[in-house]
Amino acid sequence: MIDRLVDAGAPVDRCCRIFGVARQNYYKHKLTPATPRQLRRQWLTGLIREVHVASRGTYGYRRIHAELTLAMSVRVCSRTVSVLMTQAGNYGLPGPTRVKRLHGAATADDLGQPQVSPVAPK
């Protein structure tokens, strides 16, 4: 955020004071190179977005994980895919609704069938 304001012409000192960040920490963060883990997560986020767009926004983290591991041969944990999708704001469509059956209550399946009680042997 500070970078955007500085690019727009605002002085660094004033931006850091507004956001409560020490100027030295701002420059330290700006000059620190990205770690391999951060680079890999950015790369994975790009792949996840590609697969999500290709699925027209329907795939959730399980299918995207399967697409990455099986089709693209990328080694990644499904939990990592879930976290990266949440951070990027990508969500799949909800799955099929589950039918909750009540024990002892008549259902539509039971109404058309005759009730037959077992016959005891003689």
PDB file of N, CA and C in Angstrom:
ATOM      1  N   MET A   1       0.825  -1.183   0.000  1.00  0.00           N
ATOM      2  CA  MET A   1       0.000   0.000   0.000  1.00  0.00           C
ATOM      3  C   MET A   1       0.873   1.252   0.000  1.00  0.00           C
ATOM      4  N   ILE A   2       1.934   1.185   0.794  1.00  0.00           N
ATOM      5  CA  ILE A   2       2.835   2.334   0.842  1.00  0.00           C
ATOM      6  C   ILE A   2       3.489   2.535  -0.518  1.00  0.00           C
ATOM      7  N   ASP A   3       3.848   1.432  -1.179  1.00  0.00           N
ATOM      8  CA  ASP A   3       4.470   1.536  -2.507  1.00  0.00           C
ATOM      9  C   ASP A   3       3.554   2.262  -3.486  1.00  0.00           C
ATOM     10  N   ARG A   4       2.275   1.968  -3.436  1.00  0.00           N
ATOM     11  CA  ARG A   4       1.327   2.619  -4.358  1.00  0.00           C
ATOM     12  C   ARG A   4       1.253   4.123  -4.100  1.00  0.00           C
ATOM     13  N   LEU A   5       1.234   4.489  -2.813  1.00  0.00           N
ATOM     14  CA  LEU A   5       1.175   5.917  -2.484  1.00  0.00           C
ATOM     15  C   LEU A   5       2.462   6.631  -2.882  1.00  0.00           C
ATOM     16  N   VAL A   6       3.604   5.962  -2.678  1.00  0.00           N
ATOM     17  CA  VAL A   6       4.885   6.560  -3.055  1.00  0.00           C
ATOM     18  C   VAL A   6       4.966   6.714  -4.571  1.00  0.00           C
ATOM     19  N   ASP A   7       4.473   5.718  -5.300  1.00  0.00           N
ATOM     20  CA  ASP A   7       4.457   5.805  -6.765  1.00  0.00           C
ATOM     21  C   ASP A   7       3.554   6.949  -7.243  1.00  0.00           C
ATOM     22  N   ALA A   8       2.517   7.236  -6.450  1.00  0.00           N
ATOM     23  CA  ALA A   8       1.608   8.324  -6.811  1.00  0.00           C
ATOM     24  C   ALA A   8       2.193   9.696  -6.478  1.00  0.00           C
ATOM     25  N   GLY A   9       3.335   9.716  -5.746  1.00  0.00           N
ATOM     26  CA  GLY A   9       3.992  10.989  -5.466  1.00  0.00           C
ATOM     27  C   GLY A   9       3.990  11.412  -4.015  1.00  0.00           C
ATOM     28  N   ALA A  10       3.454  10.605  -3.120  1.00  0.00           N
ATOM     29  CA  ALA A  10       3.435  10.944  -1.696  1.00  0.00           C
ATOM     30  C   ALA A  10       4.807  10.650  -1.089  1.00  0.00           C
ATOM     31  N   PRO A  11       5.247  11.456  -0.118  1.00  0.00           N
ATOM     32  CA  PRO A  11       6.542  11.198   0.512  1.00  0.00           C
ATOM     33  C   PRO A  11       6.509   9.945   1.385  1.00  0.00           C
ATOM     34  N   VAL A  12       7.620   9.225   1.403  1.00  0.00           N
ATOM     35  CA  VAL A  12       7.720   7.970   2.138  1.00  0.00           C
ATOM     36  C   VAL A  12       7.533   8.202   3.633  1.00  0.00           C
ATOM     37  N   ASP A  13       8.142   9.255   4.167  1.00  0.00           N
ATOM     38  CA  ASP A  13       8.043   9.527   5.605  1.00  0.00           C
ATOM     39  C   ASP A  13       6.588   9.673   6.049  1.00  0.00           C
ATOM     40  N   ARG A  14       5.822  10.435   5.299  1.00  0.00           N
ATOM     41  CA  ARG A  14       4.430  10.681   5.667  1.00  0.00           C
ATOM     42  C   ARG A  14       3.602   9.395   5.562  1.00  0.00           C
ATOM     43  N   CYS A  15       3.820   8.601   4.521  1.00  0.00           N
ATOM     44  CA  CYS A  15       3.065   7.343   4.345  1.00  0.00           C
ATOM     45  C   CYS A  15       3.361   6.380   5.489  1.00  0.00           C
ATOM     46  N   CYS A  16       4.641   6.273   5.851  1.00  0.00           N
ATOM     47  CA  CYS A  16       5.009   5.374   6.942  1.00  0.00           C
ATOM     48  C   CYS A  16       4.400   5.846   8.257  1.00  0.00           C
ATOM     49  N   ARG A  17       4.362   7.137   8.491  1.00  0.00           N
ATOM     50  CA  ARG A  17       3.791   7.670   9.722  1.00  0.00           C
ATOM     51  C   ARG A  17       2.290   7.402   9.775  1.00  0.00           C
ATOM     52  N   ILE A  18       1.605   7.530   8.646  1.00  0.00           N
ATOM     53  CA  ILE A  18       0.154   7.290   8.601  1.00  0.00           C
ATOM     54  C   ILE A  18      -0.166   5.835   8.929  1.00  0.00           C
ATOM     55  N   PHE A  19       0.626   4.912   8.382  1.00  0.00           N
ATOM     56  CA  PHE A  19       0.359   3.482   8.587  1.00  0.00           C
ATOM     57  C   PHE A  19       1.023   2.927   9.838  1.00  0.00           C
ATOM     58  N   GLY A  20       1.788   3.749  10.543  1.00  0.00           N
ATOM     59  CA  GLY A  20       2.407   3.297  11.781  1.00  0.00           C
ATOM     60  C   GLY A  20       3.558   2.342  11.560  1.00  0.00           C
ATOM     61  N   VAL A  21       4.286   2.529  10.469  1.00  0.00           N
ATOM     62  CA  VAL A  21       5.417   1.667  10.134  1.00  0.00           C
ATOM     63  C   VAL A  21       6.684   2.512  10.185  1.00  0.00           C
ATOM     64  N   ALA A  22       7.717   1.949  10.802  1.00  0.00           N
ATOM     65  CA  ALA A  22       8.986   2.666  10.820  1.00  0.00           C
ATOM     66  C   ALA A  22       9.559   2.699   9.403  1.00  0.00           C
ATOM     67  N   ARG A  23      10.153   3.828   9.059  1.00  0.00           N
ATOM     68  CA  ARG A  23      10.695   3.996   7.706  1.00  0.00           C
ATOM     69  C   ARG A  23      11.779   2.952   7.417  1.00  0.00           C
ATOM     70  N   GLN A  24      12.599   2.642   8.419  1.00  0.00           N
ATOM     71  CA  GLN A  24      13.655   1.648   8.240  1.00  0.00           C
ATOM     72  C   GLN A  24      13.064   0.270   7.935  1.00  0.00           C
ATOM     73  N   ASN A  25      11.971  -0.082   8.613  1.00  0.00           N
ATOM     74  CA  ASN A  25      11.329  -1.377   8.363  1.00  0.00           C
ATOM     75  C   ASN A  25      10.711  -1.428   6.968  1.00  0.00           C
ATOM     76  N   TYR A  26      10.192  -0.294   6.507  1.00  0.00           N
ATOM     77  CA  TYR A  26       9.640  -0.246   5.145  1.00  0.00           C
ATOM     78  C   TYR A  26      10.729  -0.545   4.123  1.00  0.00           C
ATOM     79  N   TYR A  27      11.871   0.116   4.248  1.00  0.00           N
ATOM     80  CA  TYR A  27      12.954  -0.108   3.294  1.00  0.00           C
ATOM     81  C   TYR A  27      13.546  -1.509   3.440  1.00  0.00           C
ATOM     82  N   LYS A  28      13.615  -2.012   4.675  1.00  0.00           N
ATOM     83  CA  LYS A  28      14.129  -3.375   4.899  1.00  0.00           C
ATOM     84  C   LYS A  28      13.228  -4.394   4.205  1.00  0.00           C
ATOM     85  N   HIS A  29      11.910  -4.234   4.347  1.00  0.00           N
ATOM     86  CA  HIS A  29      10.961  -5.146   3.703  1.00  0.00           C
ATOM     87  C   HIS A  29      11.021  -5.026   2.182  1.00  0.00           C
ATOM     88  N   LYS A  30      11.183  -3.798   1.719  1.00  0.00           N
ATOM     89  CA  LYS A  30      11.202  -3.565   0.276  1.00  0.00           C
ATOM     90  C   LYS A  30      12.444  -4.171  -0.374  1.00  0.00           C
ATOM     91  N   LEU A  31      13.586  -4.137   0.315  1.00  0.00           N
ATOM     92  CA  LEU A  31      14.841  -4.616  -0.260  1.00  0.00           C
ATOM     93  C   LEU A  31      15.093  -6.098  -0.012  1.00  0.00           C
ATOM     94  N   THR A  32      14.314  -6.731   0.856  1.00  0.00           N
ATOM     95  CA  THR A  32      14.501  -8.154   1.141  1.00  0.00           C
ATOM     96  C   THR A  32      13.968  -8.978  -0.023  1.00  0.00           C
ATOM     97  N   PRO A  33      14.794  -9.893  -0.564  1.00  0.00           N
ATOM     98  CA  PRO A  33      14.309 -10.709  -1.683  1.00  0.00           C
ATOM     99  C   PRO A  33      13.276 -11.738  -1.212  1.00  0.00           C
ATOM    100  N   ALA A  34      12.456 -12.159  -2.120  1.00  0.00           N
ATOM    101  CA  ALA A  34      11.436 -13.159  -1.799  1.00  0.00           C
ATOM    102  C   ALA A  34      12.099 -14.508  -1.539  1.00  0.00           C
ATOM    103  N   THR A  35      11.565 -15.245  -0.567  1.00  0.00           N
ATOM    104  CA  THR A  35      12.109 -16.557  -0.232  1.00  0.00           C
ATOM    105  C   THR A  35      11.638 -17.578  -1.266  1.00  0.00           C
ATOM    106  N   PRO A  36      12.316 -18.712  -1.350  1.00  0.00           N
ATOM    107  CA  PRO A  36      11.858 -19.761  -2.281  1.00  0.00           C
ATOM    108  C   PRO A  36      10.430 -20.225  -1.995  1.00  0.00           C
ATOM    109  N   ARG A  37      10.059 -20.250  -0.729  1.00  0.00           N
ATOM    110  CA  ARG A  37       8.694 -20.650  -0.379  1.00  0.00           C
ATOM    111  C   ARG A  37       7.678 -19.649  -0.912  1.00  0.00           C
ATOM    112  N   GLN A  38       7.951 -18.351  -0.772  1.00  0.00           N
ATOM    113  CA  GLN A  38       7.044 -17.327  -1.290  1.00  0.00           C
ATOM    114  C   GLN A  38       6.939 -17.403  -2.806  1.00  0.00           C
ATOM    115  N   LEU A  39       8.073 -17.629  -3.467  1.00  0.00           N
ATOM    116  CA  LEU A  39       8.063 -17.740  -4.930  1.00  0.00           C
ATOM    117  C   LEU A  39       7.245 -18.944  -5.383  1.00  0.00           C
ATOM    118  N   ARG A  40       7.407 -20.087  -4.689  1.00  0.00           N
ATOM    119  CA  ARG A  40       6.655 -21.294  -5.056  1.00  0.00           C
ATOM    120  C   ARG A  40       5.161 -21.087  -4.839  1.00  0.00           C
ATOM    121  N   ARG A  41       4.799 -20.429  -3.736  1.00  0.00           N
ATOM    122  CA  ARG A  41       3.379 -20.181  -3.473  1.00  0.00           C
ATOM    123  C   ARG A  41       2.778 -19.234  -4.502  1.00  0.00           C
ATOM    124  N   GLN A  42       3.532 -18.249  -4.944  1.00  0.00           N
ATOM    125  CA  GLN A  42       3.043 -17.359  -5.998  1.00  0.00           C
ATOM    126  C   GLN A  42       2.862 -18.129  -7.297  1.00  0.00           C
ATOM    127  N   TRP A  43       3.805 -19.008  -7.619  1.00  0.00           N
ATOM    128  CA  TRP A  43       3.709 -19.830  -8.824  1.00  0.00           C
ATOM    129  C   TRP A  43       2.505 -20.763  -8.741  1.00  0.00           C
ATOM    130  N   LEU A  44       2.317 -21.405  -7.572  1.00  0.00           N
ATOM    131  CA  LEU A  44       1.171 -22.301  -7.399  1.00  0.00           C
ATOM    132  C   LEU A  44      -0.149 -21.543  -7.488  1.00  0.00           C
ATOM    133  N   THR A  45      -0.190 -20.335  -6.938  1.00  0.00           N
ATOM    134  CA  THR A  45      -1.409 -19.534  -7.015  1.00  0.00           C
ATOM    135  C   THR A  45      -1.754 -19.233  -8.470  1.00  0.00           C
ATOM    136  N   GLY A  46      -0.746 -18.966  -9.288  1.00  0.00           N
ATOM    137  CA  GLY A  46      -0.990 -18.749 -10.717  1.00  0.00           C
ATOM    138  C   GLY A  46      -1.539 -19.991 -11.398  1.00  0.00           C
ATOM    139  N   LEU A  47      -0.967 -21.161 -11.074  1.00  0.00           N
ATOM    140  CA  LEU A  47      -1.475 -22.416 -11.650  1.00  0.00           C
ATOM    141  C   LEU A  47      -2.907 -22.683 -11.202  1.00  0.00           C
ATOM    142  N   ILE A  48      -3.170 -22.440  -9.927  1.00  0.00           N
ATOM    143  CA  ILE A  48      -4.518 -22.666  -9.394  1.00  0.00           C
ATOM    144  C   ILE A  48      -5.523 -21.764 -10.104  1.00  0.00           C
ATOM    145  N   ARG A  49      -5.151 -20.515 -10.335  1.00  0.00           N
ATOM    146  CA  ARG A  49      -6.056 -19.599 -11.054  1.00  0.00           C
ATOM    147  C   ARG A  49      -6.316 -20.089 -12.468  1.00  0.00           C
ATOM    148  N   GLU A  50      -5.269 -20.584 -13.142  1.00  0.00           N
ATOM    149  CA  GLU A  50      -5.453 -21.092 -14.504  1.00  0.00           C
ATOM    150  C   GLU A  50      -6.430 -22.253 -14.536  1.00  0.00           C
ATOM    151  N   VAL A  51      -6.249 -23.219 -13.616  1.00  0.00           N
ATOM    152  CA  VAL A  51      -7.139 -24.381 -13.580  1.00  0.00           C
ATOM    153  C   VAL A  51      -8.554 -23.946 -13.210  1.00  0.00           C
ATOM    154  N   HIS A  52      -8.671 -23.011 -12.284  1.00  0.00           N
ATOM    155  CA  HIS A  52      -9.991 -22.541 -11.846  1.00  0.00           C
ATOM    156  C   HIS A  52     -10.720 -21.840 -12.987  1.00  0.00           C
ATOM    157  N   VAL A  53     -10.006 -21.021 -13.750  1.00  0.00           N
ATOM    158  CA  VAL A  53     -10.621 -20.335 -14.887  1.00  0.00           C
ATOM    159  C   VAL A  53     -10.993 -21.339 -15.977  1.00  0.00           C
ATOM    160  N   ALA A  54     -10.115 -22.337 -16.206  1.00  0.00           N
ATOM    161  CA  ALA A  54     -10.400 -23.351 -17.222  1.00  0.00           C
ATOM    162  C   ALA A  54     -11.642 -24.170 -16.859  1.00  0.00           C
ATOM    163  N   SER A  55     -11.906 -24.328 -15.557  1.00  0.00           N
ATOM    164  CA  SER A  55     -13.091 -25.079 -15.138  1.00  0.00           C
ATOM    165  C   SER A  55     -14.324 -24.184 -15.041  1.00  0.00           C
ATOM    166  N   ARG A  56     -14.197 -22.946 -15.501  1.00  0.00           N
ATOM    167  CA  ARG A  56     -15.278 -21.954 -15.453  1.00  0.00           C
ATOM    168  C   ARG A  56     -15.739 -21.686 -14.027  1.00  0.00           C
ATOM    169  N   GLY A  57     -14.789 -21.782 -13.079  1.00  0.00           N
ATOM    170  CA  GLY A  57     -15.078 -21.460 -11.690  1.00  0.00           C
ATOM    171  C   GLY A  57     -15.847 -22.514 -10.935  1.00  0.00           C
ATOM    172  N   THR A  58     -15.876 -23.738 -11.455  1.00  0.00           N
ATOM    173  CA  THR A  58     -16.663 -24.774 -10.797  1.00  0.00           C
ATOM    174  C   THR A  58     -15.822 -25.670  -9.890  1.00  0.00           C
ATOM    175  N   TYR A  59     -14.549 -25.829 -10.157  1.00  0.00           N
ATOM    176  CA  TYR A  59     -13.719 -26.754  -9.383  1.00  0.00           C
ATOM    177  C   TYR A  59     -13.409 -26.196  -8.002  1.00  0.00           C
ATOM    178  N   GLY A  60     -13.497 -27.065  -7.014  1.00  0.00           N
ATOM    179  CA  GLY A  60     -13.075 -26.743  -5.660  1.00  0.00           C
ATOM    180  C   GLY A  60     -11.634 -27.195  -5.465  1.00  0.00           C
ATOM    181  N   TYR A  61     -11.174 -27.155  -4.221  1.00  0.00           N
ATOM    182  CA  TYR A  61      -9.763 -27.463  -3.982  1.00  0.00           C
ATOM    183  C   TYR A  61      -9.433 -28.925  -4.248  1.00  0.00           C
ATOM    184  N   ARG A  62     -10.388 -29.828  -4.066  1.00  0.00           N
ATOM    185  CA  ARG A  62     -10.090 -31.251  -4.297  1.00  0.00           C
ATOM    186  C   ARG A  62      -9.839 -31.527  -5.782  1.00  0.00           C
ATOM    187  N   ARG A  63     -10.690 -31.005  -6.641  1.00  0.00           N
ATOM    188  CA  ARG A  63     -10.514 -31.242  -8.082  1.00  0.00           C
ATOM    189  C   ARG A  63      -9.306 -30.489  -8.617  1.00  0.00           C
ATOM    190  N   ILE A  64      -9.060 -29.297  -8.097  1.00  0.00           N
ATOM    191  CA  ILE A  64      -7.883 -28.559  -8.548  1.00  0.00           C
ATOM    192  C   ILE A  64      -6.622 -29.285  -8.100  1.00  0.00           C
ATOM    193  N   HIS A  65      -6.637 -29.840  -6.890  1.00  0.00           N
ATOM    194  CA  HIS A  65      -5.487 -30.630  -6.425  1.00  0.00           C
ATOM    195  C   HIS A  65      -5.273 -31.842  -7.328  1.00  0.00           C
ATOM    196  N   ALA A  66      -6.357 -32.502  -7.693  1.00  0.00           N
ATOM    197  CA  ALA A  66      -6.245 -33.652  -8.588  1.00  0.00           C
ATOM    198  C   ALA A  66      -5.706 -33.236  -9.953  1.00  0.00           C
ATOM    199  N   GLU A  67      -6.164 -32.118 -10.459  1.00  0.00           N
ATOM    200  CA  GLU A  67      -5.691 -31.621 -11.756  1.00  0.00           C
ATOM    201  C   GLU A  67      -4.198 -31.294 -11.701  1.00  0.00           C
ATOM    202  N   LEU A  68      -3.771 -30.663 -10.617  1.00  0.00           N
ATOM    203  CA  LEU A  68      -2.356 -30.307 -10.488  1.00  0.00           C
ATOM    204  C   LEU A  68      -1.480 -31.547 -10.357  1.00  0.00           C
ATOM    205  N   THR A  69      -1.892 -32.502  -9.532  1.00  0.00           N
ATOM    206  CA  THR A  69      -1.041 -33.663  -9.271  1.00  0.00           C
ATOM    207  C   THR A  69      -1.086 -34.688 -10.400  1.00  0.00           C
ATOM    208  N   LEU A  70      -2.263 -34.956 -10.938  1.00  0.00           N
ATOM    209  CA  LEU A  70      -2.379 -36.007 -11.950  1.00  0.00           C
ATOM    210  C   LEU A  70      -2.076 -35.510 -13.362  1.00  0.00           C
ATOM    211  N   ALA A  71      -2.629 -34.379 -13.737  1.00  0.00           N
ATOM    212  CA  ALA A  71      -2.469 -33.899 -15.110  1.00  0.00           C
ATOM    213  C   ALA A  71      -1.181 -33.119 -15.312  1.00  0.00           C
ATOM    214  N   MET A  72      -0.806 -32.304 -14.304  1.00  0.00           N
ATOM    215  CA  MET A  72       0.368 -31.450 -14.466  1.00  0.00           C
ATOM    216  C   MET A  72       1.608 -31.969 -13.751  1.00  0.00           C
ATOM    217  N   SER A  73       1.469 -33.057 -12.992  1.00  0.00           N
ATOM    218  CA  SER A  73       2.578 -33.673 -12.252  1.00  0.00           C
ATOM    219  C   SER A  73       3.265 -32.694 -11.304  1.00  0.00           C
ATOM    220  N   VAL A  74       2.470 -31.885 -10.615  1.00  0.00           N
ATOM    221  CA  VAL A  74       2.996 -30.950  -9.619  1.00  0.00           C
ATOM    222  C   VAL A  74       2.771 -31.574  -8.251  1.00  0.00           C
ATOM    223  N   ARG A  75       3.836 -31.655  -7.456  1.00  0.00           N
ATOM    224  CA  ARG A  75       3.709 -32.206  -6.112  1.00  0.00           C
ATOM    225  C   ARG A  75       3.269 -31.093  -5.174  1.00  0.00           C
ATOM    226  N   VAL A  76       2.064 -31.236  -4.650  1.00  0.00           N
ATOM    227  CA  VAL A  76       1.519 -30.232  -3.737  1.00  0.00           C
ATOM    228  C   VAL A  76       0.489 -30.910  -2.844  1.00  0.00           C
ATOM    229  N   CYS A  77       0.391 -30.441  -1.621  1.00  0.00           N
ATOM    230  CA  CYS A  77      -0.560 -30.967  -0.653  1.00  0.00           C
ATOM    231  C   CYS A  77      -1.935 -30.347  -0.914  1.00  0.00           C
ATOM    232  N   SER A  78      -2.980 -31.107  -0.676  1.00  0.00           N
ATOM    233  CA  SER A  78      -4.328 -30.578  -0.898  1.00  0.00           C
ATOM    234  C   SER A  78      -4.641 -29.439   0.064  1.00  0.00           C
ATOM    235  N   ARG A  79      -4.074 -29.487   1.256  1.00  0.00           N
ATOM    236  CA  ARG A  79      -4.292 -28.408   2.227  1.00  0.00           C
ATOM    237  C   ARG A  79      -3.672 -27.093   1.726  1.00  0.00           C
ATOM    238  N   THR A  80      -2.500 -27.197   1.100  1.00  0.00           N
ATOM    239  CA  THR A  80      -1.860 -26.008   0.536  1.00  0.00           C
ATOM    240  C   THR A  80      -2.730 -25.415  -0.561  1.00  0.00           C
ATOM    241  N   VAL A  81      -3.302 -26.261  -1.397  1.00  0.00           N
ATOM    242  CA  VAL A  81      -4.192 -25.792  -2.454  1.00  0.00           C
ATOM    243  C   VAL A  81      -5.397 -25.091  -1.839  1.00  0.00           C
ATOM    244  N   SER A  82      -5.950 -25.660  -0.781  1.00  0.00           N
ATOM    245  CA  SER A  82      -7.103 -25.057  -0.117  1.00  0.00           C
ATOM    246  C   SER A  82      -6.751 -23.685   0.449  1.00  0.00           C
ATOM    247  N   VAL A  83      -5.599 -23.582   1.111  1.00  0.00           N
ATOM    248  CA  VAL A  83      -5.192 -22.304   1.712  1.00  0.00           C
ATOM    249  C   VAL A  83      -4.945 -21.256   0.634  1.00  0.00           C
ATOM    250  N   LEU A  84      -4.247 -21.639  -0.438  1.00  0.00           N
ATOM    251  CA  LEU A  84      -3.943 -20.684  -1.501  1.00  0.00           C
ATOM    252  C   LEU A  84      -5.211 -20.230  -2.222  1.00  0.00           C
ATOM    253  N   MET A  85      -6.162 -21.151  -2.402  1.00  0.00           N
ATOM    254  CA  MET A  85      -7.424 -20.762  -3.037  1.00  0.00           C
ATOM    255  C   MET A  85      -8.195 -19.782  -2.161  1.00  0.00           C
ATOM    256  N   THR A  86      -8.195 -20.008  -0.855  1.00  0.00           N
ATOM    257  CA  THR A  86      -8.892 -19.108   0.055  1.00  0.00           C
ATOM    258  C   THR A  86      -8.247 -17.729   0.038  1.00  0.00           C
ATOM    259  N   GLN A  87      -6.909 -17.690   0.053  1.00  0.00           N
ATOM    260  CA  GLN A  87      -6.209 -16.408   0.032  1.00  0.00           C
ATOM    261  C   GLN A  87      -6.454 -15.654  -1.272  1.00  0.00           C
ATOM    262  N   ALA A  88      -6.563 -16.398  -2.368  1.00  0.00           N
ATOM    263  CA  ALA A  88      -6.795 -15.763  -3.665  1.00  0.00           C
ATOM    264  C   ALA A  88      -8.269 -15.432  -3.899  1.00  0.00           C
ATOM    265  N   GLY A  89      -9.153 -15.960  -3.053  1.00  0.00           N
ATOM    266  CA  GLY A  89     -10.582 -15.686  -3.211  1.00  0.00           C
ATOM    267  C   GLY A  89     -11.252 -16.573  -4.242  1.00  0.00           C
ATOM    268  N   ASN A  90     -10.679 -17.740  -4.533  1.00  0.00           N
ATOM    269  CA  ASN A  90     -11.269 -18.684  -5.486  1.00  0.00           C
ATOM    270  C   ASN A  90     -12.027 -19.758  -4.720  1.00  0.00           C
ATOM    271  N   TYR A  91     -13.256 -19.988  -5.109  1.00  0.00           N
ATOM    272  CA  TYR A  91     -14.075 -21.014  -4.475  1.00  0.00           C
ATOM    273  C   TYR A  91     -14.783 -21.801  -5.562  1.00  0.00           C
ATOM    274  N   GLY A  92     -14.985 -23.094  -5.312  1.00  0.00           N
ATOM    275  CA  GLY A  92     -15.727 -23.917  -6.244  1.00  0.00           C
ATOM    276  C   GLY A  92     -17.211 -23.836  -5.956  1.00  0.00           C
ATOM    277  N   LEU A  93     -17.975 -24.421  -6.828  1.00  0.00           N
ATOM    278  CA  LEU A  93     -19.418 -24.470  -6.604  1.00  0.00           C
ATOM    279  C   LEU A  93     -19.714 -25.499  -5.522  1.00  0.00           C
ATOM    280  N   PRO A  94     -20.785 -25.305  -4.775  1.00  0.00           N
ATOM    281  CA  PRO A  94     -21.118 -26.293  -3.747  1.00  0.00           C
ATOM    282  C   PRO A  94     -21.512 -27.616  -4.391  1.00  0.00           C
ATOM    283  N   GLY A  95     -21.206 -28.684  -3.689  1.00  0.00           N
ATOM    284  CA  GLY A  95     -21.497 -30.022  -4.196  1.00  0.00           C
ATOM    285  C   GLY A  95     -22.977 -30.354  -4.119  1.00  0.00           C
ATOM    286  N   PRO A  96     -23.320 -31.601  -4.436  1.00  0.00           N
ATOM    287  CA  PRO A  96     -24.729 -31.999  -4.377  1.00  0.00           C
ATOM    288  C   PRO A  96     -25.229 -31.949  -2.940  1.00  0.00           C
ATOM    289  N   THR A  97     -26.502 -31.621  -2.793  1.00  0.00           N
ATOM    290  CA  THR A  97     -27.065 -31.548  -1.449  1.00  0.00           C
ATOM    291  C   THR A  97     -27.236 -32.954  -0.902  1.00  0.00           C
ATOM    292  N   ARG A  98     -27.005 -33.081   0.356  1.00  0.00           N
ATOM    293  CA  ARG A  98     -27.152 -34.365   1.029  1.00  0.00           C
ATOM    294  C   ARG A  98     -28.572 -34.472   1.578  1.00  0.00           C
ATOM    295  N   VAL A  99     -29.184 -35.639   1.414  1.00  0.00           N
ATOM    296  CA  VAL A  99     -30.533 -35.858   1.907  1.00  0.00           C
ATOM    297  C   VAL A  99     -30.417 -36.452   3.295  1.00  0.00           C
ATOM    298  N   LYS A 100     -31.030 -35.792   4.242  1.00  0.00           N
ATOM    299  CA  LYS A 100     -31.000 -36.280   5.612  1.00  0.00           C
ATOM    300  C   LYS A 100     -32.269 -37.081   5.852  1.00  0.00           C
ATOM    301  N   ARG A 101     -32.115 -38.347   6.092  1.00  0.00           N
ATOM    302  CA  ARG A 101     -33.272 -39.224   6.288  1.00  0.00           C
ATOM    303  C   ARG A 101     -33.596 -39.350   7.768  1.00  0.00           C
ATOM    304  N   LEU A 102     -34.875 -39.289   8.058  1.00  0.00           N
ATOM    305  CA  LEU A 102     -35.330 -39.467   9.435  1.00  0.00           C
ATOM    306  C   LEU A 102     -35.738 -40.920   9.620  1.00  0.00           C
ATOM    307  N   HIS A 103     -35.222 -41.545  10.632  1.00  0.00           N
ATOM    308  CA  HIS A 103     -35.549 -42.941  10.888  1.00  0.00           C
ATOM    309  C   HIS A 103     -36.979 -43.043  11.408  1.00  0.00           C
ATOM    310  N   GLY A 104     -37.743 -43.943  10.828  1.00  0.00           N
ATOM    311  CA  GLY A 104     -39.114 -44.171  11.255  1.00  0.00           C
ATOM    312  C   GLY A 104     -40.142 -43.300  10.557  1.00  0.00           C
ATOM    313  N   ALA A 105     -39.721 -42.313   9.780  1.00  0.00           N
ATOM    314  CA  ALA A 105     -40.665 -41.441   9.083  1.00  0.00           C
ATOM    315  C   ALA A 105     -40.879 -41.959   7.666  1.00  0.00           C
ATOM    316  N   ALA A 106     -42.113 -41.857   7.169  1.00  0.00           N
ATOM    317  CA  ALA A 106     -42.421 -42.317   5.823  1.00  0.00           C
ATOM    318  C   ALA A 106     -41.804 -41.360   4.808  1.00  0.00           C
ATOM    319  N   THR A 107     -41.169 -41.928   3.792  1.00  0.00           N
ATOM    320  CA  THR A 107     -40.584 -41.112   2.733  1.00  0.00           C
ATOM    321  C   THR A 107     -41.308 -41.395   1.432  1.00  0.00           C
ATOM    322  N   ALA A 108     -40.969 -40.653   0.396  1.00  0.00           N
ATOM    323  CA  ALA A 108     -41.625 -40.846  -0.894  1.00  0.00           C
ATOM    324  C   ALA A 108     -41.328 -42.235  -1.446  1.00  0.00           C
ATOM    325  N   ASP A 109     -40.173 -42.789  -1.136  1.00  0.00           N
ATOM    326  CA  ASP A 109     -39.847 -44.134  -1.610  1.00  0.00           C
ATOM    327  C   ASP A 109     -40.755 -45.187  -0.975  1.00  0.00           C
ATOM    328  N   ASP A 110     -41.173 -44.952   0.262  1.00  0.00           N
ATOM    329  CA  ASP A 110     -41.974 -45.948   0.984  1.00  0.00           C
ATOM    330  C   ASP A 110     -43.454 -45.903   0.608  1.00  0.00           C
ATOM    331  N   LEU A 111     -43.947 -44.798   0.080  1.00  0.00           N
ATOM    332  CA  LEU A 111     -45.378 -44.630  -0.125  1.00  0.00           C
ATOM    333  C   LEU A 111     -45.937 -45.528  -1.224  1.00  0.00           C
ATOM    334  N   GLY A 112     -45.163 -45.820  -2.255  1.00  0.00           N
ATOM    335  CA  GLY A 112     -45.691 -46.591  -3.368  1.00  0.00           C
ATOM    336  C   GLY A 112     -45.556 -48.089  -3.199  1.00  0.00           C
ATOM    337  N   GLN A 113     -44.850 -48.524  -2.186  1.00  0.00           N
ATOM    338  CA  GLN A 113     -44.620 -49.957  -2.018  1.00  0.00           C
ATOM    339  C   GLN A 113     -45.523 -50.507  -0.907  1.00  0.00           C
ATOM    340  N   PRO A 114     -46.076 -51.717  -1.132  1.00  0.00           N
ATOM    341  CA  PRO A 114     -46.913 -52.310  -0.085  1.00  0.00           C
ATOM    342  C   PRO A 114     -46.044 -52.743   1.102  1.00  0.00           C
ATOM    343  N   GLN A 115     -46.605 -52.621   2.284  1.00  0.00           N
ATOM    344  CA  GLN A 115     -45.888 -53.022   3.491  1.00  0.00           C
ATOM    345  C   GLN A 115     -46.079 -54.528   3.683  1.00  0.00           C
ATOM    346  N   VAL A 116     -45.013 -55.269   3.575  1.00  0.00           N
ATOM    347  CA  VAL A 116     -45.067 -56.734   3.708  1.00  0.00           C
ATOM    348  C   VAL A 116     -44.368 -57.090   4.986  1.00  0.00           C
ATOM    349  N   SER A 117     -45.061 -57.838   5.829  1.00  0.00           N
ATOM    350  CA  SER A 117     -44.424 -58.283   7.067  1.00  0.00           C
ATOM    351  C   SER A 117     -43.938 -59.713   6.858  1.00  0.00           C
ATOM    352  N   PRO A 118     -42.822 -60.053   7.430  1.00  0.00           N
ATOM    353  CA  PRO A 118     -42.306 -61.409   7.244  1.00  0.00           C
ATOM    354  C   PRO A 118     -43.220 -62.441   7.906  1.00  0.00           C
ATOM    355  N   VAL A 119     -43.337 -63.588   7.260  1.00  0.00           N
ATOM    356  CA  VAL A 119     -44.173 -64.669   7.752  1.00  0.00           C
ATOM    357  C   VAL A 119     -43.288 -65.620   8.560  1.00  0.00           C
ATOM    358  N   ALA A 120     -43.747 -65.919   9.745  1.00  0.00           N
ATOM    359  CA  ALA A 120     -42.976 -66.835  10.600  1.00  0.00           C
ATOM    360  C   ALA A 120     -43.124 -68.265  10.080  1.00  0.00           C
ATOM    361  N   PRO A 121     -42.063 -69.072  10.072  1.00  0.00           N
ATOM    362  CA  PRO A 121     -42.177 -70.468   9.626  1.00  0.00           C
ATOM    363  C   PRO A 121     -43.025 -71.300  10.582  1.00  0.00           C
ATOM    364  N   LYS A 122     -43.805 -72.297  10.054  1.00  0.00           N
ATOM    365  CA  LYS A 122     -44.682 -73.117  10.871  1.00  0.00           C
ATOM    366  C   LYS A 122     -44.079 -74.413  11.218  1.00  0.00           C
TER     367      LYS A 122
END
